[in-house]
Amino acid sequence: MATTRERVMGRDIELNIDDIDELSLNRVVNFVNEQWMEVRSENVNVPDTQKIAALMTVKLAAELLKLKDSQESISNNYEKKIQDIIRQLDEVGYIN
């Protein structure tokens, strides 16, 4: 198992890098650190880093679920359009 040491949320941690290329890993680490700093700056009166991490996790999970819902909606719209096209082709008797 290949690992690397990165600074994430103010701590040096070892990360498994078997399933991710270096550029993607850097993007992920940078994104997590940006989100960490944003949540910390929004909660300056919260000294507990575990609570900050929990708040960040909830924020990221909400964003992820919003994206998944959006993707599902887009997929459903395309599926409906395809079914409409198939129905229209059936109505005109199109045979391929």
N, C-alpha and C. Protein backbone atom coordinates (compact mmCIF):
# COMPACT_ATOMS: atom_id res chain seq x y z
N MET A 1 0.85 -1.18 0.00
CA MET A 1 0.00 0.00 0.00
C MET A 1 0.90 1.24 0.00
N ALA A 2 0.69 2.10 -0.98
CA ALA A 2 1.47 3.34 -1.08
C ALA A 2 0.81 4.42 -0.22
N THR A 3 1.63 5.13 0.52
CA THR A 3 1.13 6.20 1.37
C THR A 3 1.97 7.46 1.18
N THR A 4 1.40 8.57 1.59
CA THR A 4 2.13 9.83 1.59
C THR A 4 1.73 10.59 2.85
N ARG A 5 2.57 11.48 3.26
CA ARG A 5 2.29 12.30 4.44
C ARG A 5 1.89 13.68 3.95
N GLU A 6 0.73 14.14 4.38
CA GLU A 6 0.19 15.44 3.99
C GLU A 6 -0.27 16.20 5.22
N ARG A 7 -0.30 17.50 5.10
CA ARG A 7 -0.83 18.34 6.19
C ARG A 7 -2.29 18.62 5.86
N VAL A 8 -3.17 18.08 6.70
CA VAL A 8 -4.62 18.21 6.49
C VAL A 8 -5.24 18.72 7.78
N MET A 9 -5.97 19.80 7.69
CA MET A 9 -6.65 20.38 8.84
C MET A 9 -5.68 20.65 9.99
N GLY A 10 -4.48 21.11 9.63
CA GLY A 10 -3.50 21.47 10.63
C GLY A 10 -2.72 20.32 11.23
N ARG A 11 -2.92 19.12 10.71
CA ARG A 11 -2.21 17.96 11.25
C ARG A 11 -1.52 17.19 10.13
N ASP A 12 -0.35 16.68 10.42
CA ASP A 12 0.34 15.81 9.47
C ASP A 12 -0.26 14.41 9.59
N ILE A 13 -0.78 13.91 8.48
CA ILE A 13 -1.38 12.57 8.50
C ILE A 13 -0.88 11.78 7.31
N GLU A 14 -0.89 10.45 7.46
CA GLU A 14 -0.52 9.56 6.37
C GLU A 14 -1.77 9.19 5.61
N LEU A 15 -1.71 9.31 4.29
CA LEU A 15 -2.85 9.00 3.44
C LEU A 15 -2.52 7.86 2.49
N ASN A 16 -3.46 6.96 2.29
CA ASN A 16 -3.33 5.89 1.31
C ASN A 16 -3.52 6.52 -0.07
N ILE A 17 -2.55 6.32 -0.96
CA ILE A 17 -2.64 6.94 -2.29
C ILE A 17 -2.71 5.90 -3.41
N ASP A 18 -3.12 4.69 -3.09
CA ASP A 18 -3.21 3.65 -4.11
C ASP A 18 -4.23 3.98 -5.19
N ASP A 19 -5.32 4.60 -4.81
CA ASP A 19 -6.42 4.80 -5.75
C ASP A 19 -6.57 6.24 -6.25
N ILE A 20 -5.50 7.04 -6.14
CA ILE A 20 -5.61 8.44 -6.53
C ILE A 20 -4.26 8.92 -7.07
N ASP A 21 -4.33 9.72 -8.13
CA ASP A 21 -3.09 10.26 -8.68
C ASP A 21 -2.68 11.50 -7.88
N GLU A 22 -1.44 11.92 -8.05
CA GLU A 22 -0.88 13.00 -7.24
C GLU A 22 -1.64 14.31 -7.41
N LEU A 23 -2.01 14.63 -8.66
CA LEU A 23 -2.74 15.88 -8.91
C LEU A 23 -4.10 15.87 -8.21
N SER A 24 -4.80 14.76 -8.30
CA SER A 24 -6.11 14.65 -7.63
C SER A 24 -5.95 14.72 -6.12
N LEU A 25 -4.93 14.06 -5.60
CA LEU A 25 -4.69 14.11 -4.16
C LEU A 25 -4.43 15.54 -3.71
N ASN A 26 -3.61 16.27 -4.46
CA ASN A 26 -3.34 17.66 -4.10
C ASN A 26 -4.62 18.50 -4.14
N ARG A 27 -5.46 18.27 -5.13
CA ARG A 27 -6.74 19.00 -5.20
C ARG A 27 -7.61 18.69 -3.98
N VAL A 28 -7.67 17.42 -3.61
CA VAL A 28 -8.48 17.02 -2.45
C VAL A 28 -7.95 17.65 -1.18
N VAL A 29 -6.64 17.54 -0.97
CA VAL A 29 -6.04 18.09 0.25
C VAL A 29 -6.25 19.60 0.31
N ASN A 30 -6.04 20.29 -0.80
CA ASN A 30 -6.25 21.74 -0.84
C ASN A 30 -7.71 22.09 -0.56
N PHE A 31 -8.63 21.34 -1.15
CA PHE A 31 -10.05 21.60 -0.94
C PHE A 31 -10.43 21.41 0.53
N VAL A 32 -9.98 20.30 1.11
CA VAL A 32 -10.28 20.04 2.53
C VAL A 32 -9.71 21.13 3.41
N ASN A 33 -8.48 21.54 3.14
CA ASN A 33 -7.86 22.59 3.94
C ASN A 33 -8.58 23.93 3.78
N GLU A 34 -9.04 24.24 2.56
CA GLU A 34 -9.81 25.48 2.34
C GLU A 34 -11.12 25.44 3.12
N GLN A 35 -11.80 24.29 3.06
CA GLN A 35 -13.06 24.16 3.79
C GLN A 35 -12.82 24.26 5.30
N TRP A 36 -11.73 23.65 5.76
CA TRP A 36 -11.37 23.70 7.17
C TRP A 36 -11.19 25.15 7.63
N MET A 37 -10.43 25.92 6.85
CA MET A 37 -10.18 27.31 7.20
C MET A 37 -11.47 28.13 7.17
N GLU A 38 -12.32 27.86 6.20
CA GLU A 38 -13.59 28.58 6.09
C GLU A 38 -14.48 28.31 7.31
N VAL A 39 -14.62 27.04 7.67
CA VAL A 39 -15.47 26.69 8.81
C VAL A 39 -14.87 27.23 10.10
N ARG A 40 -13.55 27.17 10.23
CA ARG A 40 -12.90 27.73 11.43
C ARG A 40 -13.14 29.24 11.52
N SER A 41 -13.05 29.95 10.38
CA SER A 41 -13.24 31.40 10.41
C SER A 41 -14.70 31.77 10.71
N GLU A 42 -15.63 30.88 10.35
CA GLU A 42 -17.05 31.13 10.64
C GLU A 42 -17.40 30.78 12.08
N ASN A 43 -16.51 30.09 12.77
CA ASN A 43 -16.77 29.62 14.14
C ASN A 43 -15.58 29.94 15.04
N VAL A 44 -15.17 31.19 15.05
CA VAL A 44 -13.97 31.59 15.80
C VAL A 44 -14.11 31.37 17.30
N ASN A 45 -15.33 31.32 17.81
CA ASN A 45 -15.54 31.12 19.24
C ASN A 45 -15.58 29.65 19.64
N VAL A 46 -15.34 28.75 18.66
CA VAL A 46 -15.35 27.31 18.95
C VAL A 46 -13.89 26.82 18.97
N PRO A 47 -13.34 26.58 20.17
CA PRO A 47 -11.94 26.17 20.25
C PRO A 47 -11.73 24.68 19.98
N ASP A 48 -12.78 23.89 20.04
CA ASP A 48 -12.68 22.44 19.91
C ASP A 48 -12.53 22.05 18.44
N THR A 49 -11.34 21.56 18.07
CA THR A 49 -11.11 21.21 16.66
C THR A 49 -11.97 20.03 16.21
N GLN A 50 -12.34 19.14 17.13
CA GLN A 50 -13.22 18.04 16.75
C GLN A 50 -14.60 18.56 16.37
N LYS A 51 -15.07 19.57 17.08
CA LYS A 51 -16.36 20.15 16.74
C LYS A 51 -16.27 20.86 15.39
N ILE A 52 -15.17 21.57 15.14
CA ILE A 52 -14.97 22.22 13.84
C ILE A 52 -14.97 21.16 12.73
N ALA A 53 -14.28 20.04 12.98
CA ALA A 53 -14.24 18.95 12.00
C ALA A 53 -15.64 18.39 11.75
N ALA A 54 -16.43 18.25 12.82
CA ALA A 54 -17.80 17.76 12.67
C ALA A 54 -18.65 18.75 11.87
N LEU A 55 -18.49 20.04 12.16
CA LEU A 55 -19.24 21.05 11.42
C LEU A 55 -18.86 21.03 9.93
N MET A 56 -17.56 20.87 9.66
CA MET A 56 -17.11 20.82 8.29
C MET A 56 -17.66 19.57 7.59
N THR A 57 -17.68 18.46 8.29
CA THR A 57 -18.20 17.22 7.73
C THR A 57 -19.67 17.37 7.36
N VAL A 58 -20.45 17.98 8.23
CA VAL A 58 -21.87 18.19 7.95
C VAL A 58 -22.04 19.11 6.74
N LYS A 59 -21.23 20.17 6.69
CA LYS A 59 -21.30 21.11 5.55
C LYS A 59 -20.99 20.39 4.24
N LEU A 60 -19.91 19.61 4.22
CA LEU A 60 -19.52 18.90 3.00
C LEU A 60 -20.54 17.83 2.62
N ALA A 61 -21.11 17.15 3.62
CA ALA A 61 -22.13 16.14 3.34
C ALA A 61 -23.37 16.79 2.73
N ALA A 62 -23.75 17.95 3.24
CA ALA A 62 -24.92 18.66 2.69
C ALA A 62 -24.67 19.06 1.23
N GLU A 63 -23.45 19.53 0.94
CA GLU A 63 -23.11 19.90 -0.44
C GLU A 63 -23.11 18.67 -1.34
N LEU A 64 -22.56 17.56 -0.85
CA LEU A 64 -22.53 16.32 -1.62
C LEU A 64 -23.94 15.84 -1.93
N LEU A 65 -24.82 15.84 -0.93
CA LEU A 65 -26.19 15.40 -1.15
C LEU A 65 -26.94 16.30 -2.12
N LYS A 66 -26.66 17.60 -2.05
CA LYS A 66 -27.27 18.54 -2.99
C LYS A 66 -26.84 18.22 -4.42
N LEU A 67 -25.55 17.94 -4.60
CA LEU A 67 -25.04 17.57 -5.93
C LEU A 67 -25.63 16.25 -6.42
N LYS A 68 -25.73 15.28 -5.52
CA LYS A 68 -26.31 13.99 -5.90
C LYS A 68 -27.77 14.15 -6.30
N ASP A 69 -28.53 14.96 -5.57
CA ASP A 69 -29.92 15.21 -5.91
C ASP A 69 -30.04 15.89 -7.27
N SER A 70 -29.15 16.85 -7.51
CA SER A 70 -29.14 17.55 -8.79
C SER A 70 -28.82 16.59 -9.93
N GLN A 71 -27.83 15.75 -9.73
CA GLN A 71 -27.45 14.77 -10.75
C GLN A 71 -28.60 13.80 -11.03
N GLU A 72 -29.28 13.38 -9.98
CA GLU A 72 -30.42 12.47 -10.14
C GLU A 72 -31.54 13.15 -10.92
N SER A 73 -31.78 14.41 -10.62
CA SER A 73 -32.81 15.16 -11.32
C SER A 73 -32.47 15.29 -12.81
N ILE A 74 -31.22 15.60 -13.11
CA ILE A 74 -30.78 15.71 -14.51
C ILE A 74 -30.94 14.37 -15.22
N SER A 75 -30.53 13.31 -14.55
CA SER A 75 -30.64 11.97 -15.12
C SER A 75 -32.10 11.62 -15.40
N ASN A 76 -32.98 11.94 -14.46
CA ASN A 76 -34.40 11.67 -14.65
C ASN A 76 -34.97 12.47 -15.82
N ASN A 77 -34.53 13.73 -15.96
CA ASN A 77 -35.00 14.55 -17.08
C ASN A 77 -34.57 13.97 -18.42
N TYR A 78 -33.31 13.52 -18.51
CA TYR A 78 -32.84 12.90 -19.74
C TYR A 78 -33.59 11.61 -20.04
N GLU A 79 -33.81 10.83 -19.02
CA GLU A 79 -34.55 9.58 -19.21
C GLU A 79 -35.95 9.86 -19.73
N LYS A 80 -36.61 10.88 -19.17
CA LYS A 80 -37.95 11.25 -19.62
C LYS A 80 -37.92 11.71 -21.08
N LYS A 81 -36.92 12.51 -21.45
CA LYS A 81 -36.80 12.98 -22.83
C LYS A 81 -36.57 11.81 -23.79
N ILE A 82 -35.75 10.87 -23.40
CA ILE A 82 -35.49 9.70 -24.25
C ILE A 82 -36.77 8.90 -24.43
N GLN A 83 -37.51 8.70 -23.33
CA GLN A 83 -38.77 7.97 -23.43
C GLN A 83 -39.76 8.70 -24.34
N ASP A 84 -39.79 10.04 -24.27
CA ASP A 84 -40.66 10.83 -25.15
C ASP A 84 -40.28 10.65 -26.62
N ILE A 85 -38.98 10.65 -26.89
CA ILE A 85 -38.51 10.46 -28.27
C ILE A 85 -38.88 9.06 -28.77
N ILE A 86 -38.69 8.06 -27.93
CA ILE A 86 -39.05 6.69 -28.30
C ILE A 86 -40.55 6.60 -28.57
N ARG A 87 -41.35 7.23 -27.72
CA ARG A 87 -42.81 7.22 -27.92
C ARG A 87 -43.17 7.89 -29.24
N GLN A 88 -42.53 9.03 -29.54
CA GLN A 88 -42.82 9.73 -30.80
C GLN A 88 -42.41 8.89 -32.01
N LEU A 89 -41.28 8.20 -31.91
CA LEU A 89 -40.85 7.34 -33.01
C LEU A 89 -41.83 6.17 -33.21
N ASP A 90 -42.31 5.62 -32.09
CA ASP A 90 -43.31 4.55 -32.17
C ASP A 90 -44.60 5.04 -32.82
N GLU A 91 -45.00 6.28 -32.49
CA GLU A 91 -46.23 6.84 -33.04
C GLU A 91 -46.17 7.03 -34.55
N VAL A 92 -45.00 7.35 -35.07
CA VAL A 92 -44.87 7.55 -36.52
C VAL A 92 -44.47 6.26 -37.22
N GLY A 93 -44.33 5.19 -36.47
CA GLY A 93 -44.02 3.89 -37.05
C GLY A 93 -42.60 3.72 -37.51
N TYR A 94 -41.68 4.42 -36.90
CA TYR A 94 -40.27 4.32 -37.27
C TYR A 94 -39.73 2.95 -36.90
N ILE A 95 -39.08 2.32 -37.87
CA ILE A 95 -38.44 1.01 -37.64
C ILE A 95 -37.00 1.16 -38.08
N ASN A 96 -36.06 0.81 -37.20
CA ASN A 96 -34.66 0.94 -37.60
C ASN A 96 -34.13 -0.27 -38.28
